[in-house]
Amino acid sequence: MVRADRQGAHRVQFERNRRKILRTQNVCGICGKPVDVSLKPGNPMSPVVDHIIPIDKGGHPSDINNLQLAHWCCNRQKSDKIFKNQTEPKVLGNRNLPQSRNWAQF
């Protein structure tokens, strides 16, 4: 199955917003560190455009308010995780997962 941002009406708008984000943003929306937009695909720190709320979880495929700049590796770790509280969805990355126990004490 092809994702909505890769086909049809959303594809054109997603590509337009992707180019805009790559021109105007320079910090990873997941880890907060600078992104070098000159890096080529294949480099783990290369720039990608991430869906803040994943499409599979109800996020809009091409709305610029649902897109952010990210490192490829950060986006890969985040995958399709989100955390929903009463007010609004919040991204939950692998680094923010709760621990069952404080292993540093052992």
PDB file of N, CA and C in Angstrom:
ATOM      1  N   MET A   1       0.841  -1.190   0.000  1.00  0.00           N
ATOM      2  CA  MET A   1       0.000   0.000   0.000  1.00  0.00           C
ATOM      3  C   MET A   1       0.883   1.249   0.000  1.00  0.00           C
ATOM      4  N   VAL A   2       0.588   2.193  -0.865  1.00  0.00           N
ATOM      5  CA  VAL A   2       1.367   3.414  -0.991  1.00  0.00           C
ATOM      6  C   VAL A   2       0.808   4.473  -0.044  1.00  0.00           C
ATOM      7  N   ARG A   3       1.716   5.148   0.686  1.00  0.00           N
ATOM      8  CA  ARG A   3       1.279   6.176   1.635  1.00  0.00           C
ATOM      9  C   ARG A   3       0.681   7.381   0.918  1.00  0.00           C
ATOM     10  N   ALA A   4      -0.175   8.115   1.624  1.00  0.00           N
ATOM     11  CA  ALA A   4      -0.889   9.256   1.043  1.00  0.00           C
ATOM     12  C   ALA A   4       0.048  10.378   0.623  1.00  0.00           C
ATOM     13  N   ASP A   5       1.203  10.534   1.301  1.00  0.00           N
ATOM     14  CA  ASP A   5       2.119  11.611   0.923  1.00  0.00           C
ATOM     15  C   ASP A   5       2.971  11.238  -0.288  1.00  0.00           C
ATOM     16  N   ARG A   6       2.838  10.021  -0.795  1.00  0.00           N
ATOM     17  CA  ARG A   6       3.617   9.562  -1.953  1.00  0.00           C
ATOM     18  C   ARG A   6       2.783   9.470  -3.228  1.00  0.00           C
ATOM     19  N   GLN A   7       1.496   9.753  -3.144  1.00  0.00           N
ATOM     20  CA  GLN A   7       0.624   9.624  -4.314  1.00  0.00           C
ATOM     21  C   GLN A   7      -0.473  10.675  -4.279  1.00  0.00           C
ATOM     22  N   GLY A   8      -1.116  10.876  -5.404  1.00  0.00           N
ATOM     23  CA  GLY A   8      -2.291  11.726  -5.499  1.00  0.00           C
ATOM     24  C   GLY A   8      -2.054  13.188  -5.156  1.00  0.00           C
ATOM     25  N   ALA A   9      -3.103  13.823  -4.678  1.00  0.00           N
ATOM     26  CA  ALA A   9      -3.086  15.265  -4.416  1.00  0.00           C
ATOM     27  C   ALA A   9      -2.106  15.651  -3.317  1.00  0.00           C
ATOM     28  N   HIS A  10      -1.905  14.800  -2.340  1.00  0.00           N
ATOM     29  CA  HIS A  10      -1.007  15.140  -1.239  1.00  0.00           C
ATOM     30  C   HIS A  10       0.457  15.140  -1.655  1.00  0.00           C
ATOM     31  N   ARG A  11       0.812  14.376  -2.691  1.00  0.00           N
ATOM     32  CA  ARG A  11       2.205  14.257  -3.104  1.00  0.00           C
ATOM     33  C   ARG A  11       2.800  15.608  -3.490  1.00  0.00           C
ATOM     34  N   VAL A  12       2.070  16.389  -4.293  1.00  0.00           N
ATOM     35  CA  VAL A  12       2.560  17.686  -4.750  1.00  0.00           C
ATOM     36  C   VAL A  12       2.727  18.640  -3.577  1.00  0.00           C
ATOM     37  N   GLN A  13       1.722  18.706  -2.702  1.00  0.00           N
ATOM     38  CA  GLN A  13       1.794  19.604  -1.550  1.00  0.00           C
ATOM     39  C   GLN A  13       2.891  19.170  -0.583  1.00  0.00           C
ATOM     40  N   PHE A  14       3.064  17.863  -0.361  1.00  0.00           N
ATOM     41  CA  PHE A  14       4.132  17.374   0.513  1.00  0.00           C
ATOM     42  C   PHE A  14       5.496  17.774  -0.032  1.00  0.00           C
ATOM     43  N   GLU A  15       5.720  17.599  -1.321  1.00  0.00           N
ATOM     44  CA  GLU A  15       7.014  17.962  -1.919  1.00  0.00           C
ATOM     45  C   GLU A  15       7.273  19.460  -1.801  1.00  0.00           C
ATOM     46  N   ARG A  16       6.246  20.270  -2.010  1.00  0.00           N
ATOM     47  CA  ARG A  16       6.382  21.732  -1.875  1.00  0.00           C
ATOM     48  C   ARG A  16       6.745  22.090  -0.431  1.00  0.00           C
ATOM     49  N   ASN A  17       6.057  21.496   0.527  1.00  0.00           N
ATOM     50  CA  ASN A  17       6.341  21.782   1.942  1.00  0.00           C
ATOM     51  C   ASN A  17       7.686  21.204   2.363  1.00  0.00           C
ATOM     52  N   ARG A  18       8.088  20.064   1.815  1.00  0.00           N
ATOM     53  CA  ARG A  18       9.389  19.467   2.124  1.00  0.00           C
ATOM     54  C   ARG A  18      10.517  20.407   1.703  1.00  0.00           C
ATOM     55  N   ARG A  19      10.415  20.949   0.491  1.00  0.00           N
ATOM     56  CA  ARG A  19      11.436  21.900   0.018  1.00  0.00           C
ATOM     57  C   ARG A  19      11.474  23.148   0.887  1.00  0.00           C
ATOM     58  N   LYS A  20      10.308  23.621   1.301  1.00  0.00           N
ATOM     59  CA  LYS A  20      10.220  24.813   2.149  1.00  0.00           C
ATOM     60  C   LYS A  20      10.891  24.558   3.507  1.00  0.00           C
ATOM     61  N   ILE A  21      10.637  23.391   4.092  1.00  0.00           N
ATOM     62  CA  ILE A  21      11.230  23.049   5.381  1.00  0.00           C
ATOM     63  C   ILE A  21      12.739  22.910   5.262  1.00  0.00           C
ATOM     64  N   LEU A  22      13.216  22.274   4.206  1.00  0.00           N
ATOM     65  CA  LEU A  22      14.666  22.123   4.014  1.00  0.00           C
ATOM     66  C   LEU A  22      15.356  23.475   3.821  1.00  0.00           C
ATOM     67  N   ARG A  23      14.649  24.469   3.269  1.00  0.00           N
ATOM     68  CA  ARG A  23      15.213  25.813   3.089  1.00  0.00           C
ATOM     69  C   ARG A  23      15.186  26.640   4.369  1.00  0.00           C
ATOM     70  N   THR A  24      14.153  26.459   5.193  1.00  0.00           N
ATOM     71  CA  THR A  24      13.934  27.386   6.301  1.00  0.00           C
ATOM     72  C   THR A  24      14.298  26.857   7.680  1.00  0.00           C
ATOM     73  N   GLN A  25      14.358  25.552   7.863  1.00  0.00           N
ATOM     74  CA  GLN A  25      14.657  25.001   9.184  1.00  0.00           C
ATOM     75  C   GLN A  25      16.075  24.445   9.211  1.00  0.00           C
ATOM     76  N   ASN A  26      16.698  24.440  10.388  1.00  0.00           N
ATOM     77  CA  ASN A  26      18.062  23.917  10.490  1.00  0.00           C
ATOM     78  C   ASN A  26      18.306  23.126  11.776  1.00  0.00           C
ATOM     79  N   VAL A  27      17.262  22.825  12.536  1.00  0.00           N
ATOM     80  CA  VAL A  27      17.388  22.087  13.790  1.00  0.00           C
ATOM     81  C   VAL A  27      16.452  20.881  13.757  1.00  0.00           C
ATOM     82  N   CYS A  28      16.943  19.745  14.222  1.00  0.00           N
ATOM     83  CA  CYS A  28      16.138  18.524  14.267  1.00  0.00           C
ATOM     84  C   CYS A  28      14.980  18.710  15.249  1.00  0.00           C
ATOM     85  N   GLY A  29      13.764  18.453  14.802  1.00  0.00           N
ATOM     86  CA  GLY A  29      12.590  18.581  15.656  1.00  0.00           C
ATOM     87  C   GLY A  29      12.487  17.483  16.700  1.00  0.00           C
ATOM     88  N   ILE A  30      13.317  16.439  16.603  1.00  0.00           N
ATOM     89  CA  ILE A  30      13.261  15.326  17.549  1.00  0.00           C
ATOM     90  C   ILE A  30      14.343  15.455  18.615  1.00  0.00           C
ATOM     91  N   CYS A  31      15.601  15.661  18.198  1.00  0.00           N
ATOM     92  CA  CYS A  31      16.697  15.733  19.175  1.00  0.00           C
ATOM     93  C   CYS A  31      17.124  17.160  19.499  1.00  0.00           C
ATOM     94  N   GLY A  32      16.765  18.133  18.670  1.00  0.00           N
ATOM     95  CA  GLY A  32      17.092  19.527  18.935  1.00  0.00           C
ATOM     96  C   GLY A  32      18.487  19.951  18.504  1.00  0.00           C
ATOM     97  N   LYS A  33      19.224  19.076  17.831  1.00  0.00           N
ATOM     98  CA  LYS A  33      20.581  19.407  17.380  1.00  0.00           C
ATOM     99  C   LYS A  33      20.544  19.897  15.937  1.00  0.00           C
ATOM    100  N   PRO A  34      21.573  20.653  15.515  1.00  0.00           N
ATOM    101  CA  PRO A  34      21.592  21.169  14.135  1.00  0.00           C
ATOM    102  C   PRO A  34      21.607  20.050  13.100  1.00  0.00           C
ATOM    103  N   VAL A  35      20.994  20.333  11.952  1.00  0.00           N
ATOM    104  CA  VAL A  35      20.944  19.385  10.835  1.00  0.00           C
ATOM    105  C   VAL A  35      21.733  19.985   9.678  1.00  0.00           C
ATOM    106  N   ASP A  36      22.661  19.229   9.129  1.00  0.00           N
ATOM    107  CA  ASP A  36      23.441  19.656   7.968  1.00  0.00           C
ATOM    108  C   ASP A  36      22.681  19.220   6.713  1.00  0.00           C
ATOM    109  N   VAL A  37      22.032  20.193   6.057  1.00  0.00           N
ATOM    110  CA  VAL A  37      21.200  19.866   4.893  1.00  0.00           C
ATOM    111  C   VAL A  37      22.033  19.520   3.661  1.00  0.00           C
ATOM    112  N   SER A  38      23.343  19.672   3.731  1.00  0.00           N
ATOM    113  CA  SER A  38      24.190  19.324   2.587  1.00  0.00           C
ATOM    114  C   SER A  38      24.523  17.831   2.554  1.00  0.00           C
ATOM    115  N   LEU A  39      24.234  17.104   3.630  1.00  0.00           N
ATOM    116  CA  LEU A  39      24.517  15.670   3.660  1.00  0.00           C
ATOM    117  C   LEU A  39      23.578  14.924   2.711  1.00  0.00           C
ATOM    118  N   LYS A  40      24.117  13.932   2.045  1.00  0.00           N
ATOM    119  CA  LYS A  40      23.362  13.150   1.067  1.00  0.00           C
ATOM    120  C   LYS A  40      22.633  11.993   1.747  1.00  0.00           C
ATOM    121  N   PRO A  41      21.535  11.513   1.137  1.00  0.00           N
ATOM    122  CA  PRO A  41      20.835  10.334   1.672  1.00  0.00           C
ATOM    123  C   PRO A  41      21.798   9.156   1.808  1.00  0.00           C
ATOM    124  N   GLY A  42      21.599   8.383   2.849  1.00  0.00           N
ATOM    125  CA  GLY A  42      22.497   7.277   3.159  1.00  0.00           C
ATOM    126  C   GLY A  42      23.331   7.576   4.388  1.00  0.00           C
ATOM    127  N   ASN A  43      23.577   8.855   4.644  1.00  0.00           N
ATOM    128  CA  ASN A  43      24.272   9.276   5.861  1.00  0.00           C
ATOM    129  C   ASN A  43      23.243   9.284   6.996  1.00  0.00           C
ATOM    130  N   PRO A  44      23.552   8.686   8.156  1.00  0.00           N
ATOM    131  CA  PRO A  44      22.567   8.650   9.249  1.00  0.00           C
ATOM    132  C   PRO A  44      22.144  10.033   9.744  1.00  0.00           C
ATOM    133  N   MET A  45      22.977  11.046   9.522  1.00  0.00           N
ATOM    134  CA  MET A  45      22.632  12.395   9.976  1.00  0.00           C
ATOM    135  C   MET A  45      22.044  13.250   8.852  1.00  0.00           C
ATOM    136  N   SER A  46      21.707  12.628   7.726  1.00  0.00           N
ATOM    137  CA  SER A  46      21.146  13.374   6.601  1.00  0.00           C
ATOM    138  C   SER A  46      19.756  13.906   6.962  1.00  0.00           C
ATOM    139  N   PRO A  47      19.352  15.003   6.327  1.00  0.00           N
ATOM    140  CA  PRO A  47      18.055  15.599   6.644  1.00  0.00           C
ATOM    141  C   PRO A  47      16.898  14.852   6.012  1.00  0.00           C
ATOM    142  N   VAL A  48      15.820  14.729   6.765  1.00  0.00           N
ATOM    143  CA  VAL A  48      14.555  14.187   6.261  1.00  0.00           C
ATOM    144  C   VAL A  48      13.428  15.032   6.829  1.00  0.00           C
ATOM    145  N   VAL A  49      12.278  14.928   6.224  1.00  0.00           N
ATOM    146  CA  VAL A  49      11.096  15.612   6.740  1.00  0.00           C
ATOM    147  C   VAL A  49      10.240  14.569   7.446  1.00  0.00           C
ATOM    148  N   ASP A  50       9.985  14.823   8.724  1.00  0.00           N
ATOM    149  CA  ASP A  50       9.270  13.902   9.599  1.00  0.00           C
ATOM    150  C   ASP A  50       7.825  14.355   9.778  1.00  0.00           C
ATOM    151  N   HIS A  51       6.909  13.395   9.818  1.00  0.00           N
ATOM    152  CA  HIS A  51       5.521  13.700  10.184  1.00  0.00           C
ATOM    153  C   HIS A  51       5.448  13.695  11.711  1.00  0.00           C
ATOM    154  N   ILE A  52       5.101  14.809  12.311  1.00  0.00           N
ATOM    155  CA  ILE A  52       5.031  14.931  13.765  1.00  0.00           C
ATOM    156  C   ILE A  52       4.034  13.911  14.313  1.00  0.00           C
ATOM    157  N   ILE A  53       2.840  13.906  13.777  1.00  0.00           N
ATOM    158  CA  ILE A  53       1.858  12.869  14.090  1.00  0.00           C
ATOM    159  C   ILE A  53       1.847  11.947  12.878  1.00  0.00           C
ATOM    160  N   PRO A  54       2.273  10.702  13.034  1.00  0.00           N
ATOM    161  CA  PRO A  54       2.376   9.804  11.881  1.00  0.00           C
ATOM    162  C   PRO A  54       1.064   9.651  11.119  1.00  0.00           C
ATOM    163  N   ILE A  55       1.176   9.444   9.821  1.00  0.00           N
ATOM    164  CA  ILE A  55      -0.006   9.282   8.972  1.00  0.00           C
ATOM    165  C   ILE A  55      -0.855   8.124   9.466  1.00  0.00           C
ATOM    166  N   ASP A  56      -0.205   7.025   9.855  1.00  0.00           N
ATOM    167  CA  ASP A  56      -0.934   5.850  10.341  1.00  0.00           C
ATOM    168  C   ASP A  56      -1.692   6.116  11.636  1.00  0.00           C
ATOM    169  N   LYS A  57      -1.309   7.166  12.363  1.00  0.00           N
ATOM    170  CA  LYS A  57      -1.979   7.506  13.627  1.00  0.00           C
ATOM    171  C   LYS A  57      -2.942   8.684  13.454  1.00  0.00           C
ATOM    172  N   GLY A  58      -3.229   9.048  12.203  1.00  0.00           N
ATOM    173  CA  GLY A  58      -4.213  10.106  11.944  1.00  0.00           C
ATOM    174  C   GLY A  58      -3.622  11.446  11.586  1.00  0.00           C
ATOM    175  N   GLY A  59      -2.310  11.543  11.427  1.00  0.00           N
ATOM    176  CA  GLY A  59      -1.676  12.806  11.050  1.00  0.00           C
ATOM    177  C   GLY A  59      -1.921  13.129   9.587  1.00  0.00           C
ATOM    178  N   HIS A  60      -1.966  14.412   9.272  1.00  0.00           N
ATOM    179  CA  HIS A  60      -2.197  14.855   7.896  1.00  0.00           C
ATOM    180  C   HIS A  60      -0.939  14.602   7.067  1.00  0.00           C
ATOM    181  N   PRO A  61      -1.075  14.035   5.865  1.00  0.00           N
ATOM    182  CA  PRO A  61       0.092  13.664   5.073  1.00  0.00           C
ATOM    183  C   PRO A  61       0.899  14.830   4.524  1.00  0.00           C
ATOM    184  N   SER A  62       0.276  15.999   4.303  1.00  0.00           N
ATOM    185  CA  SER A  62       1.013  17.077   3.644  1.00  0.00           C
ATOM    186  C   SER A  62       0.899  18.434   4.326  1.00  0.00           C
ATOM    187  N   ASP A  63       0.185  18.540   5.428  1.00  0.00           N
ATOM    188  CA  ASP A  63       0.036  19.823   6.121  1.00  0.00           C
ATOM    189  C   ASP A  63       1.370  20.247   6.716  1.00  0.00           C
ATOM    190  N   ILE A  64       1.802  21.454   6.438  1.00  0.00           N
ATOM    191  CA  ILE A  64       3.106  21.925   6.921  1.00  0.00           C
ATOM    192  C   ILE A  64       3.168  21.973   8.450  1.00  0.00           C
ATOM    193  N   ASN A  65       2.030  22.084   9.111  1.00  0.00           N
ATOM    194  CA  ASN A  65       2.015  22.088  10.578  1.00  0.00           C
ATOM    195  C   ASN A  65       2.259  20.696  11.159  1.00  0.00           C
ATOM    196  N   ASN A  66       2.198  19.666  10.316  1.00  0.00           N
ATOM    197  CA  ASN A  66       2.461  18.301  10.770  1.00  0.00           C
ATOM    198  C   ASN A  66       3.829  17.810  10.285  1.00  0.00           C
ATOM    199  N   LEU A  67       4.644  18.703   9.739  1.00  0.00           N
ATOM    200  CA  LEU A  67       5.955  18.328   9.212  1.00  0.00           C
ATOM    201  C   LEU A  67       7.051  19.070   9.959  1.00  0.00           C
ATOM    202  N   GLN A  68       8.190  18.403  10.143  1.00  0.00           N
ATOM    203  CA  GLN A  68       9.341  19.029  10.786  1.00  0.00           C
ATOM    204  C   GLN A  68      10.617  18.427  10.217  1.00  0.00           C
ATOM    205  N   LEU A  69      11.695  19.185  10.299  1.00  0.00           N
ATOM    206  CA  LEU A  69      13.002  18.701   9.875  1.00  0.00           C
ATOM    207  C   LEU A  69      13.544  17.753  10.935  1.00  0.00           C
ATOM    208  N   ALA A  70      14.228  16.692  10.490  1.00  0.00           N
ATOM    209  CA  ALA A  70      14.807  15.733  11.435  1.00  0.00           C
ATOM    210  C   ALA A  70      16.020  15.066  10.804  1.00  0.00           C
ATOM    211  N   HIS A  71      16.878  14.521  11.653  1.00  0.00           N
ATOM    212  CA  HIS A  71      17.948  13.651  11.169  1.00  0.00           C
ATOM    213  C   HIS A  71      17.303  12.326  10.762  1.00  0.00           C
ATOM    214  N   TRP A  72      17.897  11.639   9.785  1.00  0.00           N
ATOM    215  CA  TRP A  72      17.376  10.352   9.357  1.00  0.00           C
ATOM    216  C   TRP A  72      17.341   9.369  10.526  1.00  0.00           C
ATOM    217  N   CYS A  73      18.435   9.327  11.312  1.00  0.00           N
ATOM    218  CA  CYS A  73      18.504   8.359  12.417  1.00  0.00           C
ATOM    219  C   CYS A  73      17.487   8.684  13.515  1.00  0.00           C
ATOM    220  N   CYS A  74      17.248   9.957  13.791  1.00  0.00           N
ATOM    221  CA  CYS A  74      16.246  10.334  14.800  1.00  0.00           C
ATOM    222  C   CYS A  74      14.848   9.935  14.334  1.00  0.00           C
ATOM    223  N   ASN A  75      14.566  10.190  13.063  1.00  0.00           N
ATOM    224  CA  ASN A  75      13.265   9.839  12.508  1.00  0.00           C
ATOM    225  C   ASN A  75      13.067   8.328  12.529  1.00  0.00           C
ATOM    226  N   ARG A  76      14.122   7.593  12.252  1.00  0.00           N
ATOM    227  CA  ARG A  76      14.056   6.132  12.258  1.00  0.00           C
ATOM    228  C   ARG A  76      13.769   5.604  13.668  1.00  0.00           C
ATOM    229  N   GLN A  77      14.406   6.202  14.678  1.00  0.00           N
ATOM    230  CA  GLN A  77      14.182   5.776  16.058  1.00  0.00           C
ATOM    231  C   GLN A  77      12.772   6.119  16.531  1.00  0.00           C
ATOM    232  N   LYS A  78      12.293   7.285  16.132  1.00  0.00           N
ATOM    233  CA  LYS A  78      10.952   7.704  16.537  1.00  0.00           C
ATOM    234  C   LYS A  78       9.894   6.794  15.925  1.00  0.00           C
ATOM    235  N   SER A  79      10.103   6.406  14.681  1.00  0.00           N
ATOM    236  CA  SER A  79       9.187   5.534  13.965  1.00  0.00           C
ATOM    237  C   SER A  79       7.780   6.133  13.988  1.00  0.00           C
ATOM    238  N   ASP A  80       6.780   5.397  14.461  1.00  0.00           N
ATOM    239  CA  ASP A  80       5.406   5.919  14.481  1.00  0.00           C
ATOM    240  C   ASP A  80       4.882   6.080  15.901  1.00  0.00           C
ATOM    241  N   LYS A  81       5.789   6.400  16.838  1.00  0.00           N
ATOM    242  CA  LYS A  81       5.390   6.535  18.240  1.00  0.00           C
ATOM    243  C   LYS A  81       4.842   7.934  18.529  1.00  0.00           C
ATOM    244  N   ILE A  82       3.766   7.967  19.260  1.00  0.00           N
ATOM    245  CA  ILE A  82       3.240   9.218  19.801  1.00  0.00           C
ATOM    246  C   ILE A  82       2.667   8.928  21.176  1.00  0.00           C
ATOM    247  N   PHE A  83       2.531   9.980  21.962  1.00  0.00           N
ATOM    248  CA  PHE A  83       1.934   9.879  23.285  1.00  0.00           C
ATOM    249  C   PHE A  83       0.793  10.859  23.327  1.00  0.00           C
ATOM    250  N   LYS A  84      -0.386  10.401  23.682  1.00  0.00           N
ATOM    251  CA  LYS A  84      -1.545  11.297  23.733  1.00  0.00           C
ATOM    252  C   LYS A  84      -1.914  11.571  25.187  1.00  0.00           C
ATOM    253  N   ASN A  85      -1.967  12.857  25.524  1.00  0.00           N
ATOM    254  CA  ASN A  85      -2.495  13.246  26.835  1.00  0.00           C
ATOM    255  C   ASN A  85      -3.810  13.990  26.600  1.00  0.00           C
ATOM    256  N   GLN A  86      -4.378  14.565  27.627  1.00  0.00           N
ATOM    257  CA  GLN A  86      -5.689  15.181  27.471  1.00  0.00           C
ATOM    258  C   GLN A  86      -5.678  16.405  26.560  1.00  0.00           C
ATOM    259  N   THR A  87      -4.577  17.140  26.493  1.00  0.00           N
ATOM    260  CA  THR A  87      -4.598  18.391  25.745  1.00  0.00           C
ATOM    261  C   THR A  87      -4.241  18.212  24.281  1.00  0.00           C
ATOM    262  N   GLU A  88      -3.094  17.596  23.976  1.00  0.00           N
ATOM    263  CA  GLU A  88      -2.696  17.432  22.584  1.00  0.00           C
ATOM    264  C   GLU A  88      -1.686  16.306  22.451  1.00  0.00           C
ATOM    265  N   PRO A  89      -1.527  15.761  21.254  1.00  0.00           N
ATOM    266  CA  PRO A  89      -0.553  14.689  21.066  1.00  0.00           C
ATOM    267  C   PRO A  89       0.868  15.199  21.276  1.00  0.00           C
ATOM    268  N   LYS A  90       1.725  14.355  21.807  1.00  0.00           N
ATOM    269  CA  LYS A  90       3.120  14.683  22.031  1.00  0.00           C
ATOM    270  C   LYS A  90       3.966  13.548  21.472  1.00  0.00           C
ATOM    271  N   VAL A  91       5.025  13.903  20.784  1.00  0.00           N
ATOM    272  CA  VAL A  91       5.888  12.882  20.196  1.00  0.00           C
ATOM    273  C   VAL A  91       6.623  12.134  21.294  1.00  0.00           C
ATOM    274  N   LEU A  92       6.701  10.845  21.144  1.00  0.00           N
ATOM    275  CA  LEU A  92       7.412  10.015  22.107  1.00  0.00           C
ATOM    276  C   LEU A  92       8.493   9.258  21.358  1.00  0.00           C
ATOM    277  N   GLY A  93       9.748   9.630  21.567  1.00  0.00           N
ATOM    278  CA  GLY A  93      10.863   8.944  20.933  1.00  0.00           C
ATOM    279  C   GLY A  93      11.378   7.832  21.821  1.00  0.00           C
ATOM    280  N   ASN A  94      12.255   7.014  21.279  1.00  0.00           N
ATOM    281  CA  ASN A  94      12.818   5.913  22.057  1.00  0.00           C
ATOM    282  C   ASN A  94      13.566   6.407  23.285  1.00  0.00           C
ATOM    283  N   ARG A  95      14.121   7.591  23.220  1.00  0.00           N
ATOM    284  CA  ARG A  95      14.892   8.122  24.345  1.00  0.00           C
ATOM    285  C   ARG A  95      14.001   8.502  25.527  1.00  0.00           C
ATOM    286  N   ASN A  96      12.712   8.672  25.284  1.00  0.00           N
ATOM    287  CA  ASN A  96      11.801   9.146  26.318  1.00  0.00           C
ATOM    288  C   ASN A  96      10.932   8.050  26.919  1.00  0.00           C
ATOM    289  N   LEU A  97      11.172   6.814  26.537  1.00  0.00           N
ATOM    290  CA  LEU A  97      10.342   5.735  27.051  1.00  0.00           C
ATOM    291  C   LEU A  97      10.583   5.532  28.543  1.00  0.00           C
ATOM    292  N   PRO A  98       9.552   5.242  29.308  1.00  0.00           N
ATOM    293  CA  PRO A  98       9.734   5.028  30.745  1.00  0.00           C
ATOM    294  C   PRO A  98      10.544   3.763  31.002  1.00  0.00           C
ATOM    295  N   GLN A  99      11.320   3.786  32.085  1.00  0.00           N
ATOM    296  CA  GLN A  99      12.103   2.625  32.454  1.00  0.00           C
ATOM    297  C   GLN A  99      11.381   1.869  33.555  1.00  0.00           C
ATOM    298  N   SER A 100      11.500   0.548  33.539  1.00  0.00           N
ATOM    299  CA  SER A 100      10.850  -0.260  34.549  1.00  0.00           C
ATOM    300  C   SER A 100      11.560  -0.153  35.885  1.00  0.00           C
ATOM    301  N   ARG A 101      12.854   0.186  35.823  1.00  0.00           N
ATOM    302  CA  ARG A 101      13.649   0.277  37.036  1.00  0.00           C
ATOM    303  C   ARG A 101      14.874   1.124  36.756  1.00  0.00           C
ATOM    304  N   ASN A 102      15.428   1.722  37.774  1.00  0.00           N
ATOM    305  CA  ASN A 102      16.639   2.516  37.604  1.00  0.00           C
ATOM    306  C   ASN A 102      17.842   1.578  37.673  1.00  0.00           C
ATOM    307  N   TRP A 103      18.335   1.154  36.515  1.00  0.00           N
ATOM    308  CA  TRP A 103      19.402   0.176  36.434  1.00  0.00           C
ATOM    309  C   TRP A 103      20.739   0.749  36.888  1.00  0.00           C
ATOM    310  N   ALA A 104      20.865   2.046  37.017  1.00  0.00           N
ATOM    311  CA  ALA A 104      22.126   2.652  37.462  1.00  0.00           C
ATOM    312  C   ALA A 104      22.416   2.330  38.922  1.00  0.00           C
ATOM    313  N   GLN A 105      21.405   1.931  39.680  1.00  0.00           N
ATOM    314  CA  GLN A 105      21.590   1.616  41.099  1.00  0.00           C
ATOM    315  C   GLN A 105      22.276   0.271  41.310  1.00  0.00           C
ATOM    316  N   PHE A 106      22.321  -0.572  40.298  1.00  0.00           N
ATOM    317  CA  PHE A 106      22.893  -1.916  40.450  1.00  0.00           C
ATOM    318  C   PHE A 106      24.363  -1.950  40.122  1.00  0.00           C
TER     319      PHE A 106
END
